[in-house]
Protein backbone atom coordinates (compact mmCIF):
# COMPACT_ATOMS: atom_id res chain seq x y z
CA MET A 1 120.06 107.83 92.02
CA SER A 2 117.78 109.53 89.52
CA GLY A 3 113.87 108.75 89.22
CA ALA A 4 113.02 106.80 86.00
CA ALA A 5 111.75 107.95 82.85
CA PRO A 6 108.77 109.32 82.74
CA SER A 7 107.70 107.54 79.94
CA GLU A 8 109.14 104.41 81.70
CA VAL A 9 106.92 105.26 84.65
CA ALA A 10 104.02 105.62 82.57
CA ALA A 11 104.40 102.08 80.75
CA PHE A 12 104.57 100.73 83.76
CA LEU A 13 101.83 101.63 85.48
CA ALA A 14 100.16 101.30 81.82
CA GLU A 15 100.72 97.51 82.48
CA VAL A 16 99.53 97.12 85.94
CA THR A 17 97.07 94.45 86.27
CA PRO A 18 93.79 94.27 86.96
CA GLU A 19 92.88 97.33 85.28
CA ARG A 20 91.35 98.84 88.58
CA ARG A 21 94.57 98.51 89.60
CA ILE A 22 95.98 101.29 86.95
CA HIS A 23 94.01 103.90 88.32
CA GLU A 24 95.34 103.31 91.91
CA ALA A 25 98.22 103.25 91.08
CA ALA A 26 98.34 106.64 89.58
CA LYS A 27 96.44 108.55 92.39
CA LEU A 28 99.13 106.85 94.18
CA ASP A 29 102.15 107.95 92.37
CA GLN A 30 100.35 111.47 92.01
CA LEU A 31 100.07 111.34 96.03
CA PHE A 32 103.93 109.93 96.86
CA GLN A 33 105.13 113.00 93.85
CA GLN A 34 102.93 115.36 96.06
CA VAL A 35 104.19 114.12 99.24
CA THR A 36 107.63 113.88 99.04
CA GLY A 37 108.66 116.19 95.80
CA TYR A 38 110.70 112.96 94.79
CA THR A 39 110.46 111.81 90.96
CA PRO A 40 109.31 107.74 91.23
CA ARG A 41 112.49 105.54 90.55
CA LEU A 42 110.90 102.16 89.02
CA TYR A 43 112.72 98.86 91.30
CA SER A 44 112.36 95.67 90.14
CA GLY A 45 109.74 93.89 91.26
CA GLY A 46 107.20 96.61 90.29
CA ILE A 47 107.94 99.10 93.19
CA LEU A 48 107.54 102.73 92.83
CA GLY A 49 110.47 104.25 95.13
CA TYR A 50 110.39 107.66 95.87
CA GLY A 51 114.21 108.81 97.60
CA THR A 52 116.40 106.85 98.56
CA TYR A 53 118.84 106.10 102.07
CA ASP A 54 122.24 104.52 102.32
CA TYR A 55 122.56 102.60 105.56
CA THR A 56 124.74 100.21 107.12
CA TYR A 57 123.80 98.31 110.76
CA ALA A 58 125.88 97.20 113.36
CA SER A 59 126.55 93.81 111.60
CA GLY A 60 128.52 95.52 108.88
CA HIS A 61 125.82 95.13 106.21
CA SER A 62 124.88 97.82 104.55
CA GLY A 63 122.88 99.10 101.23
CA THR A 64 121.11 101.59 100.05
CA SER A 65 116.87 101.30 99.46
CA LEU A 66 114.28 103.34 98.93
CA ALA A 67 112.60 105.85 101.28
CA THR A 68 109.24 105.23 100.90
CA GLY A 69 107.20 103.50 98.01
CA PHE A 70 104.67 101.73 96.57
CA ALA A 71 103.70 98.40 94.37
CA PRO A 72 100.50 97.49 92.71
CA ARG A 73 100.34 93.58 93.48
CA LYS A 74 97.13 92.25 92.26
CA ALA A 75 95.55 91.15 95.14
CA LYS A 76 96.60 94.32 97.28
CA LEU A 77 98.49 97.16 96.99
CA SER A 78 101.75 97.33 98.99
CA ILE A 79 102.93 100.79 100.55
CA TYR A 80 106.51 100.86 101.90
CA ILE A 81 107.18 103.19 104.88
CA MET A 82 110.71 102.31 105.72
CA PRO A 83 112.03 100.90 107.47
CA GLY A 84 109.90 100.19 110.18
CA TYR A 85 111.35 102.00 113.48
CA ALA A 86 108.36 103.82 114.85
CA ASP A 87 104.71 102.94 116.03
CA PHE A 88 102.36 104.41 113.58
CA SER A 89 99.63 103.16 115.35
CA ALA A 90 97.51 106.98 115.48
CA ILE A 91 97.81 107.39 112.80
CA LEU A 92 96.73 103.95 111.06
CA SER A 93 93.79 104.07 113.31
CA ARG A 94 92.30 106.53 111.46
CA LEU A 95 93.90 105.30 108.10
CA GLY A 96 90.86 102.66 107.08
CA LYS A 97 90.95 99.20 106.31
CA HIS A 98 94.39 97.95 106.13
CA ARG A 99 96.84 95.15 107.21
CA ILE A 100 100.45 95.81 108.26
CA GLY A 101 103.91 94.19 108.08
CA LYS A 102 107.04 95.37 109.67
CA SER A 103 108.01 97.98 106.41
CA CYS A 104 104.85 97.66 104.71
CA LEU A 105 100.98 98.33 104.43
CA TYR A 106 98.62 96.87 102.25
CA LEU A 107 95.31 97.94 101.57
CA ASN A 108 93.11 95.52 99.04
CA LYS A 109 91.76 99.05 97.63
CA LEU A 110 92.84 102.22 97.82
CA ALA A 111 89.02 103.49 98.88
CA ASP A 112 89.40 101.18 101.56
CA ALA A 113 92.06 104.29 102.62
CA ASP A 114 91.45 107.65 103.80
CA LEU A 115 94.27 109.65 101.48
CA ASP A 116 94.83 112.45 103.72
CA VAL A 117 95.84 110.13 106.34
CA LEU A 118 98.19 108.16 103.92
CA ALA A 119 100.33 111.60 102.78
CA GLU A 120 100.22 112.42 106.81
CA LEU A 121 101.50 108.70 107.13
CA ILE A 122 103.81 108.98 104.21
CA ARG A 123 105.09 112.38 105.30
CA ALA A 124 105.53 110.57 109.24
CA GLY A 125 107.44 107.98 107.83
CA LEU A 126 110.27 109.96 106.11
CA ALA A 127 110.47 112.08 108.81
CA ASN A 128 110.66 109.39 111.18
CA LEU A 129 113.69 107.38 108.54
CA GLN A 130 115.63 111.16 108.17
CA LYS A 131 115.88 110.47 112.10
CA HIS A 132 118.05 107.59 111.66
CA TRP A 133 119.29 107.88 107.63
CA PRO A 134 119.50 110.95 105.60
CA VAL A 135 117.13 110.54 102.51
CA GLN A 136 118.36 111.87 99.24
CA PRO A 137 116.06 112.56 96.74
CA THR A 138 114.65 110.88 93.85
């Protein structure tokens, strides 16, 4: 899988709402590209993904998923640290105000988070994912 055309990503980022999310999404895109070295790929549902991995579960279910990424939602920023195998509580304790799901981190606003700690979390998530499934660049 290849990354999105720069114009496709730029168009997506320019259409993010509300307007304050445009700036947050641009900062996150820059951070994810810097940390991962991958080109973003635009997924349905307004998700920018960086890297991919193929998986096959014991049940036989298989597929391809983004390795890490984010979605600039109206209410919150959703950060995807896939697939949620590890306990990152030591890093999360230094991140700032957030909420977590199984493979998701939710931020009300980017200013709530320490971006250096978020970069550390992205790196840790990719390293952990790589132990389970090979990560491919986008």
